[in-house]
Amino acid sequence: MIVVDLSRLAFAKKGDIAHGGLLKNISASGLAIKFIYPLGKVENPFEKGDVVEVEIDEIGSLKGTVVRTSDNSIAIKLDIDSKGEDELIARIMEASSLLVMDAVA
């Protein structure tokens, strides 16, 4: 399995609760987000087993289940079928190509 390190803005949502952060890494089966709290410490509202929707710049919207939490991050196992995995891999590769192009420019 390929895991890609992309620094992209990501929002994790559970009901009316949404927290923003940076995408730490992503693969076809899961992802990790490190939260950013610009105005100080905020409690991580997510718990293991929470069903969440994640919105990621240049990737789109994904759904999954929280499998690990810390004070400032969560790891999510994606709810995705094999066709969806192929589409996600294509979006990840496109976003990582943009990252390389941005670094060169």
N, C-alpha and C. Protein backbone atom coordinates (compact mmCIF):
# COMPACT_ATOMS: atom_id res chain seq x y z
N MET A 1 0.84 -1.18 0.00
CA MET A 1 0.00 0.00 0.00
C MET A 1 0.88 1.24 0.00
N ILE A 2 0.51 2.19 -0.81
CA ILE A 2 1.25 3.45 -0.90
C ILE A 2 0.60 4.48 0.02
N VAL A 3 1.43 5.11 0.86
CA VAL A 3 0.97 6.19 1.73
C VAL A 3 1.68 7.46 1.27
N VAL A 4 0.89 8.49 0.99
CA VAL A 4 1.43 9.74 0.46
C VAL A 4 1.36 10.82 1.53
N ASP A 5 2.46 11.55 1.70
CA ASP A 5 2.53 12.66 2.64
C ASP A 5 2.15 13.93 1.89
N LEU A 6 0.91 14.40 2.08
CA LEU A 6 0.44 15.62 1.44
C LEU A 6 0.11 16.65 2.51
N SER A 7 0.61 17.84 2.36
CA SER A 7 0.23 18.92 3.28
C SER A 7 -0.92 19.68 2.64
N ARG A 8 -2.12 19.27 2.96
CA ARG A 8 -3.33 19.90 2.43
C ARG A 8 -4.26 20.24 3.58
N LEU A 9 -5.00 21.30 3.43
CA LEU A 9 -5.99 21.68 4.41
C LEU A 9 -7.10 20.62 4.43
N ALA A 10 -7.49 20.19 5.64
CA ALA A 10 -8.52 19.17 5.77
C ALA A 10 -9.45 19.53 6.92
N PHE A 11 -10.74 19.24 6.74
CA PHE A 11 -11.73 19.46 7.78
C PHE A 11 -12.42 18.14 8.09
N ALA A 12 -12.43 17.76 9.36
CA ALA A 12 -13.15 16.57 9.81
C ALA A 12 -14.46 17.04 10.43
N LYS A 13 -15.58 16.41 10.01
CA LYS A 13 -16.90 16.81 10.48
C LYS A 13 -17.62 15.63 11.11
N LYS A 14 -18.23 15.90 12.26
CA LYS A 14 -19.10 14.93 12.93
C LYS A 14 -20.34 15.70 13.35
N GLY A 15 -21.45 15.48 12.64
CA GLY A 15 -22.65 16.27 12.91
C GLY A 15 -22.37 17.74 12.66
N ASP A 16 -22.63 18.57 13.67
CA ASP A 16 -22.40 20.02 13.55
C ASP A 16 -20.99 20.43 13.94
N ILE A 17 -20.17 19.46 14.37
CA ILE A 17 -18.81 19.76 14.81
C ILE A 17 -17.85 19.59 13.64
N ALA A 18 -17.02 20.61 13.40
CA ALA A 18 -16.00 20.53 12.35
C ALA A 18 -14.70 21.12 12.88
N HIS A 19 -13.61 20.40 12.65
CA HIS A 19 -12.29 20.90 13.05
C HIS A 19 -11.37 20.85 11.85
N GLY A 20 -10.57 21.92 11.68
CA GLY A 20 -9.64 22.00 10.57
C GLY A 20 -8.23 21.65 10.99
N GLY A 21 -7.47 21.19 10.01
CA GLY A 21 -6.08 20.86 10.27
C GLY A 21 -5.35 20.57 8.99
N LEU A 22 -4.19 19.95 9.13
CA LEU A 22 -3.39 19.57 7.97
C LEU A 22 -3.44 18.06 7.79
N LEU A 23 -3.62 17.65 6.57
CA LEU A 23 -3.55 16.24 6.23
C LEU A 23 -2.12 15.79 6.44
N LYS A 24 -1.92 14.81 7.32
CA LYS A 24 -0.57 14.30 7.58
C LYS A 24 -0.18 13.27 6.53
N ASN A 25 -1.09 12.35 6.24
CA ASN A 25 -0.85 11.36 5.20
C ASN A 25 -2.18 10.77 4.76
N ILE A 26 -2.14 10.12 3.59
CA ILE A 26 -3.35 9.54 3.04
C ILE A 26 -2.98 8.34 2.18
N SER A 27 -3.83 7.32 2.22
CA SER A 27 -3.71 6.15 1.34
C SER A 27 -5.11 5.81 0.87
N ALA A 28 -5.24 4.75 0.10
CA ALA A 28 -6.57 4.34 -0.37
C ALA A 28 -7.44 3.81 0.76
N SER A 29 -6.84 3.46 1.90
CA SER A 29 -7.64 2.89 2.99
C SER A 29 -7.81 3.82 4.19
N GLY A 30 -7.03 4.89 4.29
CA GLY A 30 -7.17 5.76 5.45
C GLY A 30 -6.35 7.02 5.35
N LEU A 31 -6.46 7.83 6.41
CA LEU A 31 -5.75 9.11 6.43
C LEU A 31 -5.57 9.55 7.87
N ALA A 32 -4.69 10.54 8.05
CA ALA A 32 -4.48 11.15 9.37
C ALA A 32 -4.49 12.66 9.22
N ILE A 33 -5.10 13.32 10.20
CA ILE A 33 -5.18 14.78 10.23
C ILE A 33 -4.60 15.28 11.54
N LYS A 34 -3.74 16.29 11.45
CA LYS A 34 -3.23 16.98 12.64
C LYS A 34 -3.98 18.31 12.73
N PHE A 35 -4.68 18.50 13.83
CA PHE A 35 -5.49 19.71 13.99
C PHE A 35 -4.64 20.93 14.27
N ILE A 36 -5.16 22.07 13.81
CA ILE A 36 -4.52 23.36 14.02
C ILE A 36 -5.47 24.21 14.85
N TYR A 37 -4.98 24.71 15.98
CA TYR A 37 -5.78 25.53 16.86
C TYR A 37 -5.13 26.90 16.97
N PRO A 38 -5.41 27.82 16.03
CA PRO A 38 -4.72 29.12 16.01
C PRO A 38 -5.01 30.00 17.22
N LEU A 39 -6.12 29.78 17.90
CA LEU A 39 -6.46 30.64 19.03
C LEU A 39 -6.20 29.96 20.36
N GLY A 40 -5.38 28.95 20.36
CA GLY A 40 -5.06 28.26 21.61
C GLY A 40 -5.54 26.83 21.62
N LYS A 41 -5.40 26.21 22.75
CA LYS A 41 -5.74 24.79 22.91
C LYS A 41 -7.25 24.58 22.88
N VAL A 42 -7.69 23.64 22.07
CA VAL A 42 -9.08 23.25 22.00
C VAL A 42 -9.13 21.74 22.16
N GLU A 43 -10.12 21.24 22.86
CA GLU A 43 -10.23 19.81 23.09
C GLU A 43 -10.64 19.08 21.82
N ASN A 44 -9.99 17.97 21.53
CA ASN A 44 -10.32 17.14 20.38
C ASN A 44 -11.67 16.46 20.65
N PRO A 45 -12.70 16.77 19.86
CA PRO A 45 -14.04 16.24 20.14
C PRO A 45 -14.27 14.84 19.57
N PHE A 46 -13.33 14.30 18.82
CA PHE A 46 -13.53 13.03 18.14
C PHE A 46 -13.09 11.86 19.02
N GLU A 47 -13.83 10.76 18.92
CA GLU A 47 -13.52 9.56 19.67
C GLU A 47 -13.43 8.37 18.73
N LYS A 48 -12.69 7.36 19.14
CA LYS A 48 -12.59 6.13 18.37
C LYS A 48 -13.99 5.60 18.11
N GLY A 49 -14.27 5.26 16.85
CA GLY A 49 -15.58 4.75 16.47
C GLY A 49 -16.51 5.79 15.87
N ASP A 50 -16.17 7.08 16.00
CA ASP A 50 -17.00 8.13 15.40
C ASP A 50 -17.00 8.02 13.89
N VAL A 51 -18.18 8.16 13.29
CA VAL A 51 -18.30 8.22 11.83
C VAL A 51 -18.15 9.69 11.45
N VAL A 52 -17.24 9.97 10.51
CA VAL A 52 -16.93 11.35 10.14
C VAL A 52 -16.91 11.52 8.63
N GLU A 53 -17.07 12.77 8.23
CA GLU A 53 -16.87 13.16 6.83
C GLU A 53 -15.66 14.07 6.81
N VAL A 54 -14.78 13.88 5.85
CA VAL A 54 -13.58 14.68 5.75
C VAL A 54 -13.57 15.40 4.40
N GLU A 55 -13.30 16.69 4.44
CA GLU A 55 -13.17 17.50 3.23
C GLU A 55 -11.71 17.92 3.11
N ILE A 56 -11.07 17.55 1.99
CA ILE A 56 -9.65 17.80 1.79
C ILE A 56 -9.44 18.61 0.52
N ASP A 57 -8.69 19.71 0.62
CA ASP A 57 -8.36 20.50 -0.56
C ASP A 57 -7.75 19.62 -1.64
N GLU A 58 -8.23 19.77 -2.86
CA GLU A 58 -7.73 19.08 -4.06
C GLU A 58 -8.00 17.57 -4.07
N ILE A 59 -8.66 17.04 -3.03
CA ILE A 59 -9.01 15.62 -3.00
C ILE A 59 -10.53 15.47 -3.01
N GLY A 60 -11.23 16.24 -2.17
CA GLY A 60 -12.68 16.18 -2.11
C GLY A 60 -13.18 15.64 -0.79
N SER A 61 -14.40 15.13 -0.81
CA SER A 61 -15.08 14.66 0.39
C SER A 61 -14.96 13.14 0.51
N LEU A 62 -14.64 12.67 1.72
CA LEU A 62 -14.50 11.25 2.01
C LEU A 62 -15.21 10.94 3.32
N LYS A 63 -15.67 9.70 3.47
CA LYS A 63 -16.31 9.29 4.72
C LYS A 63 -15.54 8.13 5.32
N GLY A 64 -15.53 8.08 6.66
CA GLY A 64 -14.81 7.01 7.33
C GLY A 64 -15.11 6.97 8.81
N THR A 65 -14.34 6.13 9.50
CA THR A 65 -14.51 5.92 10.93
C THR A 65 -13.19 6.21 11.65
N VAL A 66 -13.27 6.96 12.74
CA VAL A 66 -12.08 7.27 13.53
C VAL A 66 -11.57 5.99 14.17
N VAL A 67 -10.28 5.69 13.95
CA VAL A 67 -9.68 4.48 14.53
C VAL A 67 -8.65 4.82 15.60
N ARG A 68 -8.18 6.08 15.63
CA ARG A 68 -7.19 6.49 16.64
C ARG A 68 -7.30 7.99 16.85
N THR A 69 -7.14 8.41 18.10
CA THR A 69 -7.15 9.84 18.42
C THR A 69 -5.99 10.19 19.35
N SER A 70 -5.60 11.45 19.32
CA SER A 70 -4.66 12.01 20.29
C SER A 70 -5.17 13.40 20.62
N ASP A 71 -4.42 14.15 21.41
CA ASP A 71 -4.86 15.51 21.77
C ASP A 71 -5.06 16.39 20.54
N ASN A 72 -4.22 16.18 19.51
CA ASN A 72 -4.27 17.09 18.37
C ASN A 72 -4.37 16.39 17.01
N SER A 73 -4.79 15.12 16.98
CA SER A 73 -4.89 14.45 15.70
C SER A 73 -5.88 13.29 15.74
N ILE A 74 -6.27 12.85 14.54
CA ILE A 74 -7.10 11.65 14.40
C ILE A 74 -6.61 10.85 13.20
N ALA A 75 -6.83 9.54 13.26
CA ALA A 75 -6.60 8.65 12.12
C ALA A 75 -7.95 8.06 11.75
N ILE A 76 -8.21 7.97 10.46
CA ILE A 76 -9.51 7.55 9.95
C ILE A 76 -9.35 6.41 8.97
N LYS A 77 -10.14 5.36 9.14
CA LYS A 77 -10.24 4.28 8.17
C LYS A 77 -11.38 4.66 7.24
N LEU A 78 -11.08 4.73 5.94
CA LEU A 78 -12.07 5.17 4.98
C LEU A 78 -13.09 4.07 4.67
N ASP A 79 -14.34 4.48 4.49
CA ASP A 79 -15.40 3.59 4.03
C ASP A 79 -15.47 3.73 2.52
N ILE A 80 -14.80 2.83 1.81
CA ILE A 80 -14.65 2.98 0.37
C ILE A 80 -14.55 1.60 -0.28
N ASP A 81 -15.16 1.45 -1.44
CA ASP A 81 -15.08 0.18 -2.16
C ASP A 81 -13.90 0.21 -3.12
N SER A 82 -13.65 -0.91 -3.82
CA SER A 82 -12.45 -0.99 -4.67
C SER A 82 -12.49 0.02 -5.82
N LYS A 83 -13.66 0.29 -6.39
CA LYS A 83 -13.76 1.31 -7.44
C LYS A 83 -13.43 2.68 -6.86
N GLY A 84 -13.98 2.95 -5.67
CA GLY A 84 -13.69 4.22 -5.01
C GLY A 84 -12.22 4.36 -4.65
N GLU A 85 -11.57 3.24 -4.27
CA GLU A 85 -10.14 3.26 -3.98
C GLU A 85 -9.35 3.69 -5.21
N ASP A 86 -9.70 3.13 -6.38
CA ASP A 86 -9.00 3.49 -7.62
C ASP A 86 -9.17 4.97 -7.93
N GLU A 87 -10.38 5.48 -7.75
CA GLU A 87 -10.63 6.90 -8.00
C GLU A 87 -9.86 7.78 -7.02
N LEU A 88 -9.82 7.35 -5.75
CA LEU A 88 -9.10 8.11 -4.74
C LEU A 88 -7.60 8.12 -5.03
N ILE A 89 -7.05 6.98 -5.41
CA ILE A 89 -5.62 6.92 -5.75
C ILE A 89 -5.32 7.89 -6.88
N ALA A 90 -6.19 7.97 -7.88
CA ALA A 90 -5.98 8.91 -8.99
C ALA A 90 -5.99 10.35 -8.48
N ARG A 91 -6.92 10.68 -7.56
CA ARG A 91 -6.98 12.05 -7.01
C ARG A 91 -5.75 12.35 -6.16
N ILE A 92 -5.29 11.34 -5.39
CA ILE A 92 -4.09 11.53 -4.57
C ILE A 92 -2.88 11.79 -5.46
N MET A 93 -2.74 10.99 -6.52
CA MET A 93 -1.59 11.15 -7.42
C MET A 93 -1.64 12.51 -8.12
N GLU A 94 -2.83 12.94 -8.50
CA GLU A 94 -2.96 14.26 -9.12
C GLU A 94 -2.56 15.35 -8.14
N ALA A 95 -3.03 15.25 -6.90
CA ALA A 95 -2.69 16.27 -5.88
C ALA A 95 -1.21 16.24 -5.56
N SER A 96 -0.59 15.05 -5.54
CA SER A 96 0.86 14.98 -5.26
C SER A 96 1.64 15.52 -6.44
N SER A 97 1.15 15.38 -7.66
CA SER A 97 1.80 15.97 -8.82
C SER A 97 1.77 17.49 -8.73
N LEU A 98 0.64 18.01 -8.27
CA LEU A 98 0.53 19.46 -8.08
C LEU A 98 1.53 19.93 -7.03
N LEU A 99 1.74 19.12 -5.98
CA LEU A 99 2.70 19.45 -4.94
C LEU A 99 4.11 19.55 -5.52
N VAL A 100 4.49 18.58 -6.35
CA VAL A 100 5.79 18.60 -6.98
C VAL A 100 5.93 19.80 -7.91
N MET A 101 4.86 20.09 -8.67
CA MET A 101 4.89 21.22 -9.58
C MET A 101 5.02 22.52 -8.80
N ASP A 102 4.31 22.64 -7.65
CA ASP A 102 4.41 23.84 -6.82
C ASP A 102 5.84 24.02 -6.31
N ALA A 103 6.50 22.93 -5.95
CA ALA A 103 7.86 23.01 -5.41
C ALA A 103 8.85 23.46 -6.48
N VAL A 104 8.59 23.07 -7.72
CA VAL A 104 9.49 23.42 -8.83
C VAL A 104 9.28 24.87 -9.26
N ALA A 105 8.05 25.33 -9.23
CA ALA A 105 7.72 26.68 -9.73
C ALA A 105 8.33 27.79 -8.91
